[in-house]
């Protein structure tokens, strides 16, 4: 099936579109001219268009269009309520009077990473003051995630989950603003920070409101959490030159991907390693991401 970039995209083709976008970006950035010409002759119309991009505006249109496609695509999903089984974690052991001990205390690295990042950014050796708000909001969200997630795991239910997801949404949106500033346009990244934060917060409040009304709808929170994480690798491959902290950002994405693997393997891992569950390991790997980022901006 030939794909026209501005045509309607059925829901079941969104994944194929994203994969095609990533591969086309790899070809554009890393393949030699002969290989690019071959891909131009044999690829889809979308990939042909991508190979002809010679300026930042054309690449930016690709990213904006994929955001638009993601927003449209999410509306084709049925409203998705929070599964009550989500709150049933493998490791429910108590220790020192603390329920779900390991899932609670494994949030402390988030708090530490967030406080270290905030402390680092408040010192005058940070070179670019204009980028500081997005970085501060990112690390503030990380620190509050440590508190909010710890509170949630003490008494896991939909009400306490709000305080886990709100700071995470702040961190996701702040990080996306940072990526826009670093790779696409510093001014646009700064201008988008507040709107992105509002979208992230709204997605959590909307989900909570729909749960209270008896018809939970997680779609927009799913979009806020996963669309930036899918777009960021594409942005990093498309836009040059890469900032000095690019290797740290790639490692962050890897740590986040591993954390999602451990999250989905919570019970399976606990069956094999009864000392730590998959969700506890998820916290450790997810918390390593802001530490890696902090190390990257120190260089």
C-alpha atoms as a PDB file:
ATOM      1  CA  UNK A   1       0.000   0.000   0.000  1.00  0.00           C
ATOM      2  CA  UNK A   2       1.425   3.348  -1.031  1.00  0.00           C
ATOM      3  CA  UNK A   3       1.379   5.948   1.667  1.00  0.00           C
ATOM      4  CA  UNK A   4       0.783   9.628   1.041  1.00  0.00           C
ATOM      5  CA  UNK A   5       2.126  11.653   3.926  1.00  0.00           C
ATOM      6  CA  UNK A   6      -0.891  13.921   4.285  1.00  0.00           C
ATOM      7  CA  UNK A   7      -3.496  11.209   3.679  1.00  0.00           C
ATOM      8  CA  UNK A   8      -5.710   9.645   6.308  1.00  0.00           C
ATOM      9  CA  UNK A   9      -3.925   6.954   8.292  1.00  0.00           C
ATOM     10  CA  UNK A  10      -5.974   4.011   9.628  1.00  0.00           C
ATOM     11  CA  UNK A  11      -5.357   3.134  13.241  1.00  0.00           C
ATOM     12  CA  UNK A  12      -3.732  -0.229  12.450  1.00  0.00           C
ATOM     13  CA  UNK A  13      -1.106   1.484  10.281  1.00  0.00           C
ATOM     14  CA  UNK A  14       0.187   3.957  12.889  1.00  0.00           C
ATOM     15  CA  UNK A  15       2.856   1.554  14.137  1.00  0.00           C
ATOM     16  CA  UNK A  16       4.017   0.845  10.578  1.00  0.00           C
ATOM     17  CA  UNK A  17       4.232   4.586   9.936  1.00  0.00           C
ATOM     18  CA  UNK A  18       6.404   5.156  12.989  1.00  0.00           C
ATOM     19  CA  UNK A  19       8.735   2.271  12.103  1.00  0.00           C
ATOM     20  CA  UNK A  20       9.047   3.602   8.547  1.00  0.00           C
ATOM     21  CA  UNK A  21       9.832   7.060   9.933  1.00  0.00           C
ATOM     22  CA  UNK A  22      12.612   5.750  12.186  1.00  0.00           C
ATOM     23  CA  UNK A  23      14.184   3.694   9.402  1.00  0.00           C
ATOM     24  CA  UNK A  24      14.015   6.598   6.982  1.00  0.00           C
ATOM     25  CA  UNK A  25      15.708   8.855   9.534  1.00  0.00           C
ATOM     26  CA  UNK A  26      18.495   6.288  10.002  1.00  0.00           C
ATOM     27  CA  UNK A  27      19.026   6.155   6.237  1.00  0.00           C
ATOM     28  CA  UNK A  28      18.991   9.938   5.979  1.00  0.00           C
ATOM     29  CA  UNK A  29      21.531  10.401   8.745  1.00  0.00           C
ATOM     30  CA  UNK A  30      23.901   7.469   8.273  1.00  0.00           C
ATOM     31  CA  UNK A  31      23.745   5.987   4.767  1.00  0.00           C
ATOM     32  CA  UNK A  32      25.960   7.203   1.945  1.00  0.00           C
ATOM     33  CA  UNK A  33      24.619   8.978  -1.108  1.00  0.00           C
ATOM     34  CA  UNK A  34      24.407   5.833  -3.226  1.00  0.00           C
ATOM     35  CA  UNK A  35      22.337   4.039  -0.616  1.00  0.00           C
ATOM     36  CA  UNK A  36      20.131   7.090  -0.184  1.00  0.00           C
ATOM     37  CA  UNK A  37      19.512   7.204  -3.946  1.00  0.00           C
ATOM     38  CA  UNK A  38      18.616   3.510  -3.968  1.00  0.00           C
ATOM     39  CA  UNK A  39      16.180   4.031  -1.116  1.00  0.00           C
ATOM     40  CA  UNK A  40      14.779   7.006  -2.994  1.00  0.00           C
ATOM     41  CA  UNK A  41      14.092   4.873  -6.071  1.00  0.00           C
ATOM     42  CA  UNK A  42      12.622   1.878  -4.238  1.00  0.00           C
ATOM     43  CA  UNK A  43      11.072   3.243  -1.040  1.00  0.00           C
ATOM     44  CA  UNK A  44       7.605   4.478  -0.278  1.00  0.00           C
ATOM     45  CA  UNK A  45       6.494   8.009  -1.037  1.00  0.00           C
ATOM     46  CA  UNK A  46       6.907   8.911   2.635  1.00  0.00           C
ATOM     47  CA  UNK A  47      10.535   7.764   2.650  1.00  0.00           C
ATOM     48  CA  UNK A  48      11.204   9.536  -0.645  1.00  0.00           C
ATOM     49  CA  UNK A  49       9.936  12.776   0.860  1.00  0.00           C
ATOM     50  CA  UNK A  50      12.121  12.293   3.917  1.00  0.00           C
ATOM     51  CA  UNK A  51      15.283  11.820   1.827  1.00  0.00           C
ATOM     52  CA  UNK A  52      14.667  15.130   0.069  1.00  0.00           C
ATOM     53  CA  UNK A  53      14.534  17.130   3.279  1.00  0.00           C
ATOM     54  CA  UNK A  54      17.286  19.717   3.182  1.00  0.00           C
ATOM     55  CA  UNK A  55      16.213  22.107   5.883  1.00  0.00           C
ATOM     56  CA  UNK A  56      14.992  22.113   9.445  1.00  0.00           C
ATOM     57  CA  UNK A  57      11.497  23.321   8.541  1.00  0.00           C
ATOM     58  CA  UNK A  58      10.801  20.229   6.455  1.00  0.00           C
ATOM     59  CA  UNK A  59      11.998  17.947   9.239  1.00  0.00           C
ATOM     60  CA  UNK A  60       9.925  19.877  11.751  1.00  0.00           C
ATOM     61  CA  UNK A  61       6.840  19.374   9.595  1.00  0.00           C
ATOM     62  CA  UNK A  62       7.443  15.625   9.736  1.00  0.00           C
ATOM     63  CA  UNK A  63       7.521  15.695  13.553  1.00  0.00           C
ATOM     64  CA  UNK A  64       4.464  17.956  13.816  1.00  0.00           C
ATOM     65  CA  UNK A  65       2.545  15.761  11.377  1.00  0.00           C
ATOM     66  CA  UNK A  66       3.359  12.632  13.378  1.00  0.00           C
ATOM     67  CA  UNK A  67       2.117  14.366  16.533  1.00  0.00           C
ATOM     68  CA  UNK A  68      -1.084  15.216  14.682  1.00  0.00           C
ATOM     69  CA  UNK A  69      -1.443  11.628  13.466  1.00  0.00           C
ATOM     70  CA  UNK A  70      -0.912  10.352  17.011  1.00  0.00           C
ATOM     71  CA  UNK A  71      -3.558  12.697  18.381  1.00  0.00           C
ATOM     72  CA  UNK A  72      -6.027  11.661  15.692  1.00  0.00           C
ATOM     73  CA  UNK A  73      -5.144   7.980  16.055  1.00  0.00           C
ATOM     74  CA  UNK A  74      -5.809   7.939  19.802  1.00  0.00           C
ATOM     75  CA  UNK A  75      -9.408   8.978  19.135  1.00  0.00           C
ATOM     76  CA  UNK A  76      -9.972   5.711  17.255  1.00  0.00           C
ATOM     77  CA  UNK A  77      -9.259   3.778  20.443  1.00  0.00           C
ATOM     78  CA  UNK A  78     -12.131   2.848  22.693  1.00  0.00           C
ATOM     79  CA  UNK A  79     -12.035   4.645  26.073  1.00  0.00           C
ATOM     80  CA  UNK A  80      -9.764   2.624  28.338  1.00  0.00           C
ATOM     81  CA  UNK A  81     -10.512   2.496  32.068  1.00  0.00           C
ATOM     82  CA  UNK A  82      -7.834   1.733  34.638  1.00  0.00           C
ATOM     83  CA  UNK A  83      -7.692  -2.022  35.183  1.00  0.00           C
ATOM     84  CA  UNK A  84      -8.184  -2.719  38.925  1.00  0.00           C
ATOM     85  CA  UNK A  85      -5.596  -5.502  38.585  1.00  0.00           C
ATOM     86  CA  UNK A  86      -2.995  -2.788  37.937  1.00  0.00           C
ATOM     87  CA  UNK A  87      -2.894  -2.160  41.684  1.00  0.00           C
ATOM     88  CA  UNK A  88      -2.148  -5.830  42.500  1.00  0.00           C
ATOM     89  CA  UNK A  89       1.643  -5.896  42.624  1.00  0.00           C
ATOM     90  CA  UNK A  90       3.655  -9.063  43.021  1.00  0.00           C
ATOM     91  CA  UNK A  91       5.572  -7.931  46.116  1.00  0.00           C
ATOM     92  CA  UNK A  92       3.135  -6.941  48.856  1.00  0.00           C
ATOM     93  CA  UNK A  93       5.500  -7.642  51.764  1.00  0.00           C
ATOM     94  CA  UNK A  94       5.548  -5.277  54.717  1.00  0.00           C
ATOM     95  CA  UNK A  95       8.613  -4.319  56.725  1.00  0.00           C
ATOM     96  CA  UNK A  96       9.006  -1.975  59.686  1.00  0.00           C
ATOM     97  CA  UNK A  97       5.285  -1.269  59.501  1.00  0.00           C
ATOM     98  CA  UNK A  98       5.516  -0.063  55.886  1.00  0.00           C
ATOM     99  CA  UNK A  99       3.095  -1.756  53.496  1.00  0.00           C
ATOM    100  CA  UNK A 100       4.512  -2.839  50.133  1.00  0.00           C
ATOM    101  CA  UNK A 101       7.921  -1.970  51.543  1.00  0.00           C
ATOM    102  CA  UNK A 102      10.146  -2.481  48.501  1.00  0.00           C
ATOM    103  CA  UNK A 103       7.797  -0.767  46.062  1.00  0.00           C
ATOM    104  CA  UNK A 104       7.686   2.209  48.437  1.00  0.00           C
ATOM    105  CA  UNK A 105      11.369   2.638  49.310  1.00  0.00           C
ATOM    106  CA  UNK A 106      12.526   1.978  45.732  1.00  0.00           C
ATOM    107  CA  UNK A 107      11.132   5.447  44.946  1.00  0.00           C
ATOM    108  CA  UNK A 108      13.822   7.145  47.024  1.00  0.00           C
ATOM    109  CA  UNK A 109      16.248   7.280  44.051  1.00  0.00           C
ATOM    110  CA  UNK A 110      13.707   9.462  42.207  1.00  0.00           C
ATOM    111  CA  UNK A 111      13.672  11.904  45.101  1.00  0.00           C
ATOM    112  CA  UNK A 112      17.470  11.938  45.286  1.00  0.00           C
ATOM    113  CA  UNK A 113      17.932  12.418  41.530  1.00  0.00           C
ATOM    114  CA  UNK A 114      15.380  15.214  41.460  1.00  0.00           C
ATOM    115  CA  UNK A 115      16.911  17.085  44.390  1.00  0.00           C
ATOM    116  CA  UNK A 116      20.434  16.711  42.985  1.00  0.00           C
ATOM    117  CA  UNK A 117      19.256  18.028  39.613  1.00  0.00           C
ATOM    118  CA  UNK A 118      17.488  21.017  41.157  1.00  0.00           C
ATOM    119  CA  UNK A 119      20.544  21.772  43.278  1.00  0.00           C
ATOM    120  CA  UNK A 120      22.821  21.576  40.259  1.00  0.00           C
ATOM    121  CA  UNK A 121      20.651  23.929  38.215  1.00  0.00           C
ATOM    122  CA  UNK A 122      20.481  26.549  40.953  1.00  0.00           C
ATOM    123  CA  UNK A 123      24.230  27.102  40.806  1.00  0.00           C
ATOM    124  CA  UNK A 124      25.568  29.794  38.437  1.00  0.00           C
ATOM    125  CA  UNK A 125      27.859  27.462  36.474  1.00  0.00           C
ATOM    126  CA  UNK A 126      24.865  26.266  34.442  1.00  0.00           C
ATOM    127  CA  UNK A 127      25.646  27.982  31.164  1.00  0.00           C
ATOM    128  CA  UNK A 128      22.306  28.529  29.439  1.00  0.00           C
ATOM    129  CA  UNK A 129      19.840  30.288  31.723  1.00  0.00           C
ATOM    130  CA  UNK A 130      17.138  30.320  29.028  1.00  0.00           C
ATOM    131  CA  UNK A 131      16.885  26.529  29.159  1.00  0.00           C
ATOM    132  CA  UNK A 132      16.770  26.404  32.935  1.00  0.00           C
ATOM    133  CA  UNK A 133      12.948  26.412  33.443  1.00  0.00           C
ATOM    134  CA  UNK A 134      12.423  23.185  31.475  1.00  0.00           C
ATOM    135  CA  UNK A 135      15.318  21.477  33.253  1.00  0.00           C
ATOM    136  CA  UNK A 136      14.043  22.645  36.634  1.00  0.00           C
ATOM    137  CA  UNK A 137      10.532  21.393  35.896  1.00  0.00           C
ATOM    138  CA  UNK A 138      11.941  18.052  34.755  1.00  0.00           C
ATOM    139  CA  UNK A 139      13.904  17.486  37.948  1.00  0.00           C
ATOM    140  CA  UNK A 140      11.081  18.894  40.098  1.00  0.00           C
ATOM    141  CA  UNK A 141       8.751  16.358  38.485  1.00  0.00           C
ATOM    142  CA  UNK A 142      11.283  13.596  39.172  1.00  0.00           C
ATOM    143  CA  UNK A 143      11.577  14.573  42.831  1.00  0.00           C
ATOM    144  CA  UNK A 144       7.800  14.752  43.242  1.00  0.00           C
ATOM    145  CA  UNK A 145       7.496  11.379  41.489  1.00  0.00           C
ATOM    146  CA  UNK A 146       9.551   9.912  44.311  1.00  0.00           C
ATOM    147  CA  UNK A 147       7.061  11.284  46.824  1.00  0.00           C
ATOM    148  CA  UNK A 148       3.911  10.644  44.795  1.00  0.00           C
ATOM    149  CA  UNK A 149       4.829   7.119  43.775  1.00  0.00           C
ATOM    150  CA  UNK A 150       5.875   6.276  47.316  1.00  0.00           C
ATOM    151  CA  UNK A 151       2.509   7.514  48.588  1.00  0.00           C
ATOM    152  CA  UNK A 152       0.685   5.538  45.914  1.00  0.00           C
ATOM    153  CA  UNK A 153       2.429   2.288  46.768  1.00  0.00           C
ATOM    154  CA  UNK A 154       1.551   2.632  50.439  1.00  0.00           C
ATOM    155  CA  UNK A 155      -2.139   2.399  49.535  1.00  0.00           C
ATOM    156  CA  UNK A 156      -2.437   1.570  45.825  1.00  0.00           C
ATOM    157  CA  UNK A 157      -5.748   2.640  44.312  1.00  0.00           C
ATOM    158  CA  UNK A 158      -6.960   5.061  41.653  1.00  0.00           C
ATOM    159  CA  UNK A 159      -7.082   7.999  44.052  1.00  0.00           C
ATOM    160  CA  UNK A 160      -3.469   7.704  45.194  1.00  0.00           C
ATOM    161  CA  UNK A 161      -2.396   6.888  41.622  1.00  0.00           C
ATOM    162  CA  UNK A 162      -3.228  10.473  40.654  1.00  0.00           C
ATOM    163  CA  UNK A 163      -0.308  11.688  42.807  1.00  0.00           C
ATOM    164  CA  UNK A 164       1.992   9.220  41.072  1.00  0.00           C
ATOM    165  CA  UNK A 165       0.970  10.201  37.557  1.00  0.00           C
ATOM    166  CA  UNK A 166       0.799  13.985  37.922  1.00  0.00           C
ATOM    167  CA  UNK A 167       4.534  14.519  38.541  1.00  0.00           C
ATOM    168  CA  UNK A 168       5.403  11.912  35.912  1.00  0.00           C
ATOM    169  CA  UNK A 169       3.357  13.857  33.360  1.00  0.00           C
ATOM    170  CA  UNK A 170       5.277  17.004  34.355  1.00  0.00           C
ATOM    171  CA  UNK A 171       8.591  15.215  33.784  1.00  0.00           C
ATOM    172  CA  UNK A 172       7.526  13.713  30.435  1.00  0.00           C
ATOM    173  CA  UNK A 173       6.373  17.054  29.062  1.00  0.00           C
ATOM    174  CA  UNK A 174       9.372  18.971  30.439  1.00  0.00           C
ATOM    175  CA  UNK A 175      11.733  16.456  28.885  1.00  0.00           C
ATOM    176  CA  UNK A 176       9.979  16.784  25.530  1.00  0.00           C
ATOM    177  CA  UNK A 177      10.385  20.554  25.780  1.00  0.00           C
ATOM    178  CA  UNK A 178      14.099  20.046  26.473  1.00  0.00           C
ATOM    179  CA  UNK A 179      14.472  17.830  23.404  1.00  0.00           C
ATOM    180  CA  UNK A 180      12.745  20.439  21.235  1.00  0.00           C
ATOM    181  CA  UNK A 181      15.074  23.120  22.597  1.00  0.00           C
ATOM    182  CA  UNK A 182      18.214  21.038  22.159  1.00  0.00           C
ATOM    183  CA  UNK A 183      17.501  19.625  18.704  1.00  0.00           C
ATOM    184  CA  UNK A 184      14.895  21.683  16.868  1.00  0.00           C
ATOM    185  CA  UNK A 185      14.627  25.248  18.106  1.00  0.00           C
ATOM    186  CA  UNK A 186      15.519  26.668  21.505  1.00  0.00           C
ATOM    187  CA  UNK A 187      12.899  29.410  21.363  1.00  0.00           C
ATOM    188  CA  UNK A 188      10.122  27.020  20.332  1.00  0.00           C
ATOM    189  CA  UNK A 189      11.084  24.606  23.105  1.00  0.00           C
ATOM    190  CA  UNK A 190      10.886  27.376  25.671  1.00  0.00           C
ATOM    191  CA  UNK A 191       7.526  28.643  24.363  1.00  0.00           C
ATOM    192  CA  UNK A 192       6.053  25.132  24.352  1.00  0.00           C
ATOM    193  CA  UNK A 193       7.012  24.324  27.947  1.00  0.00           C
ATOM    194  CA  UNK A 194       3.889  25.778  29.604  1.00  0.00           C
ATOM    195  CA  UNK A 195       1.410  24.386  27.010  1.00  0.00           C
ATOM    196  CA  UNK A 196       3.038  20.955  27.231  1.00  0.00           C
ATOM    197  CA  UNK A 197       2.857  21.002  31.021  1.00  0.00           C
ATOM    198  CA  UNK A 198      -0.810  21.975  30.865  1.00  0.00           C
ATOM    199  CA  UNK A 199      -1.536  19.124  28.447  1.00  0.00           C
ATOM    200  CA  UNK A 200       0.267  16.629  30.669  1.00  0.00           C
ATOM    201  CA  UNK A 201      -1.553  17.732  33.826  1.00  0.00           C
ATOM    202  CA  UNK A 202      -4.885  17.813  32.017  1.00  0.00           C
ATOM    203  CA  UNK A 203      -4.417  14.222  30.786  1.00  0.00           C
ATOM    204  CA  UNK A 204      -4.131  12.972  34.380  1.00  0.00           C
ATOM    205  CA  UNK A 205      -6.987  15.094  35.723  1.00  0.00           C
ATOM    206  CA  UNK A 206      -9.205  14.062  32.811  1.00  0.00           C
ATOM    207  CA  UNK A 207      -8.483  10.382  33.460  1.00  0.00           C
ATOM    208  CA  UNK A 208      -9.256  10.790  37.175  1.00  0.00           C
ATOM    209  CA  UNK A 209     -12.471  12.674  36.465  1.00  0.00           C
ATOM    210  CA  UNK A 210     -13.695   9.969  34.070  1.00  0.00           C
ATOM    211  CA  UNK A 211     -12.897   7.287  36.635  1.00  0.00           C
ATOM    212  CA  UNK A 212     -15.014   9.142  39.196  1.00  0.00           C
ATOM    213  CA  UNK A 213     -17.836   9.284  36.646  1.00  0.00           C
ATOM    214  CA  UNK A 214     -17.656   5.509  36.205  1.00  0.00           C
ATOM    215  CA  UNK A 215     -16.254   5.449  32.665  1.00  0.00           C
ATOM    216  CA  UNK A 216     -12.488   5.828  32.966  1.00  0.00           C
ATOM    217  CA  UNK A 217     -10.580   7.068  29.927  1.00  0.00           C
ATOM    218  CA  UNK A 218      -6.807   6.668  29.913  1.00  0.00           C
ATOM    219  CA  UNK A 219      -6.292   7.492  26.233  1.00  0.00           C
ATOM    220  CA  UNK A 220      -4.880  10.976  26.637  1.00  0.00           C
ATOM    221  CA  UNK A 221      -2.561   9.985  29.463  1.00  0.00           C
ATOM    222  CA  UNK A 222      -1.282   7.132  27.283  1.00  0.00           C
ATOM    223  CA  UNK A 223      -0.637   9.679  24.538  1.00  0.00           C
ATOM    224  CA  UNK A 224       1.246  11.985  26.913  1.00  0.00           C
ATOM    225  CA  UNK A 225       3.412   9.176  28.256  1.00  0.00           C
ATOM    226  CA  UNK A 226       4.259   7.289  25.089  1.00  0.00           C
ATOM    227  CA  UNK A 227       4.079   9.652  22.102  1.00  0.00           C
ATOM    228  CA  UNK A 228       7.041  11.808  23.237  1.00  0.00           C
ATOM    229  CA  UNK A 229       9.072   8.672  23.980  1.00  0.00           C
ATOM    230  CA  UNK A 230       8.387   7.439  20.434  1.00  0.00           C
ATOM    231  CA  UNK A 231       9.109  10.794  18.814  1.00  0.00           C
ATOM    232  CA  UNK A 232      12.309  11.614  20.690  1.00  0.00           C
ATOM    233  CA  UNK A 233      14.487   8.979  18.925  1.00  0.00           C
ATOM    234  CA  UNK A 234      13.210  10.223  15.559  1.00  0.00           C
ATOM    235  CA  UNK A 235      14.019  13.826  16.474  1.00  0.00           C
ATOM    236  CA  UNK A 236      17.494  12.822  17.652  1.00  0.00           C
ATOM    237  CA  UNK A 237      18.194  11.021  14.377  1.00  0.00           C
ATOM    238  CA  UNK A 238      16.791  13.727  12.122  1.00  0.00           C
ATOM    239  CA  UNK A 239      18.238  16.903  13.555  1.00  0.00           C
ATOM    240  CA  UNK A 240      21.916  17.766  13.502  1.00  0.00           C
ATOM    241  CA  UNK A 241      24.219  18.689  15.108  1.00  0.00           C
ATOM    242  CA  UNK A 242      23.541  16.650  18.203  1.00  0.00           C
ATOM    243  CA  UNK A 243      24.084  18.389  21.562  1.00  0.00           C
ATOM    244  CA  UNK A 244      26.969  17.243  23.780  1.00  0.00           C
ATOM    245  CA  UNK A 245      24.606  15.334  26.080  1.00  0.00           C
ATOM    246  CA  UNK A 246      23.143  13.206  23.246  1.00  0.00           C
ATOM    247  CA  UNK A 247      24.798   9.955  24.440  1.00  0.00           C
ATOM    248  CA  UNK A 248      23.267  10.484  27.880  1.00  0.00           C
ATOM    249  CA  UNK A 249      19.824  10.976  26.325  1.00  0.00           C
ATOM    250  CA  UNK A 250      20.153   7.715  24.376  1.00  0.00           C
ATOM    251  CA  UNK A 251      21.087   5.920  27.590  1.00  0.00           C
ATOM    252  CA  UNK A 252      18.079   7.512  29.308  1.00  0.00           C
ATOM    253  CA  UNK A 253      15.768   6.133  26.642  1.00  0.00           C
ATOM    254  CA  UNK A 254      17.318   2.686  27.034  1.00  0.00           C
ATOM    255  CA  UNK A 255      16.866   2.812  30.814  1.00  0.00           C
ATOM    256  CA  UNK A 256      13.235   3.859  30.364  1.00  0.00           C
ATOM    257  CA  UNK A 257      12.589   1.027  27.898  1.00  0.00           C
ATOM    258  CA  UNK A 258      14.088  -1.496  30.322  1.00  0.00           C
ATOM    259  CA  UNK A 259      11.953  -0.093  33.136  1.00  0.00           C
ATOM    260  CA  UNK A 260       8.811  -0.705  31.078  1.00  0.00           C
ATOM    261  CA  UNK A 261       9.940  -4.286  30.465  1.00  0.00           C
ATOM    262  CA  UNK A 262      10.374  -4.872  34.195  1.00  0.00           C
ATOM    263  CA  UNK A 263       7.014  -3.232  34.892  1.00  0.00           C
ATOM    264  CA  UNK A 264       5.182  -5.615  32.573  1.00  0.00           C
ATOM    265  CA  UNK A 265       7.112  -8.590  34.007  1.00  0.00           C
ATOM    266  CA  UNK A 266       6.384  -7.814  37.664  1.00  0.00           C
ATOM    267  CA  UNK A 267       4.936 -11.180  38.720  1.00  0.00           C
ATOM    268  CA  UNK A 268       7.131 -13.225  36.405  1.00  0.00           C
ATOM    269  CA  UNK A 269      10.350 -11.766  37.820  1.00  0.00           C
ATOM    270  CA  UNK A 270       9.140 -12.107  41.409  1.00  0.00           C
ATOM    271  CA  UNK A 271       8.457 -15.794  40.787  1.00  0.00           C
ATOM    272  CA  UNK A 272      12.096 -16.298  39.787  1.00  0.00           C
ATOM    273  CA  UNK A 273      13.722 -13.787  42.129  1.00  0.00           C
ATOM    274  CA  UNK A 274      11.568 -13.528  45.257  1.00  0.00           C
ATOM    275  CA  UNK A 275      13.878 -10.901  46.748  1.00  0.00           C
ATOM    276  CA  UNK A 276      12.851  -8.193  44.287  1.00  0.00           C
ATOM    277  CA  UNK A 277       9.847  -7.882  42.007  1.00  0.00           C
ATOM    278  CA  UNK A 278       9.745  -6.564  38.468  1.00  0.00           C
ATOM    279  CA  UNK A 279       8.027  -3.382  39.650  1.00  0.00           C
ATOM    280  CA  UNK A 280      10.757  -2.657  42.181  1.00  0.00           C
ATOM    281  CA  UNK A 281      13.372  -3.129  39.445  1.00  0.00           C
ATOM    282  CA  UNK A 282      11.273  -0.874  37.251  1.00  0.00           C
ATOM    283  CA  UNK A 283      11.674   1.900  39.813  1.00  0.00           C
ATOM    284  CA  UNK A 284      15.457   1.454  39.960  1.00  0.00           C
ATOM    285  CA  UNK A 285      15.891   1.493  36.178  1.00  0.00           C
ATOM    286  CA  UNK A 286      13.475   4.395  35.656  1.00  0.00           C
ATOM    287  CA  UNK A 287      15.243   6.386  38.393  1.00  0.00           C
ATOM    288  CA  UNK A 288      18.595   5.747  36.712  1.00  0.00           C
ATOM    289  CA  UNK A 289      17.412   7.833  33.728  1.00  0.00           C
ATOM    290  CA  UNK A 290      17.483  11.236  35.521  1.00  0.00           C
ATOM    291  CA  UNK A 291      20.840  10.320  37.097  1.00  0.00           C
ATOM    292  CA  UNK A 292      22.198   9.663  33.593  1.00  0.00           C
ATOM    293  CA  UNK A 293      20.717  12.938  32.373  1.00  0.00           C
ATOM    294  CA  UNK A 294      22.226  14.804  35.294  1.00  0.00           C
ATOM    295  CA  UNK A 295      25.624  13.347  34.464  1.00  0.00           C
ATOM    296  CA  UNK A 296      25.150  14.401  30.824  1.00  0.00           C
ATOM    297  CA  UNK A 297      24.436  18.047  31.623  1.00  0.00           C
ATOM    298  CA  UNK A 298      27.414  18.199  33.982  1.00  0.00           C
ATOM    299  CA  UNK A 299      29.773  17.511  31.084  1.00  0.00           C
END
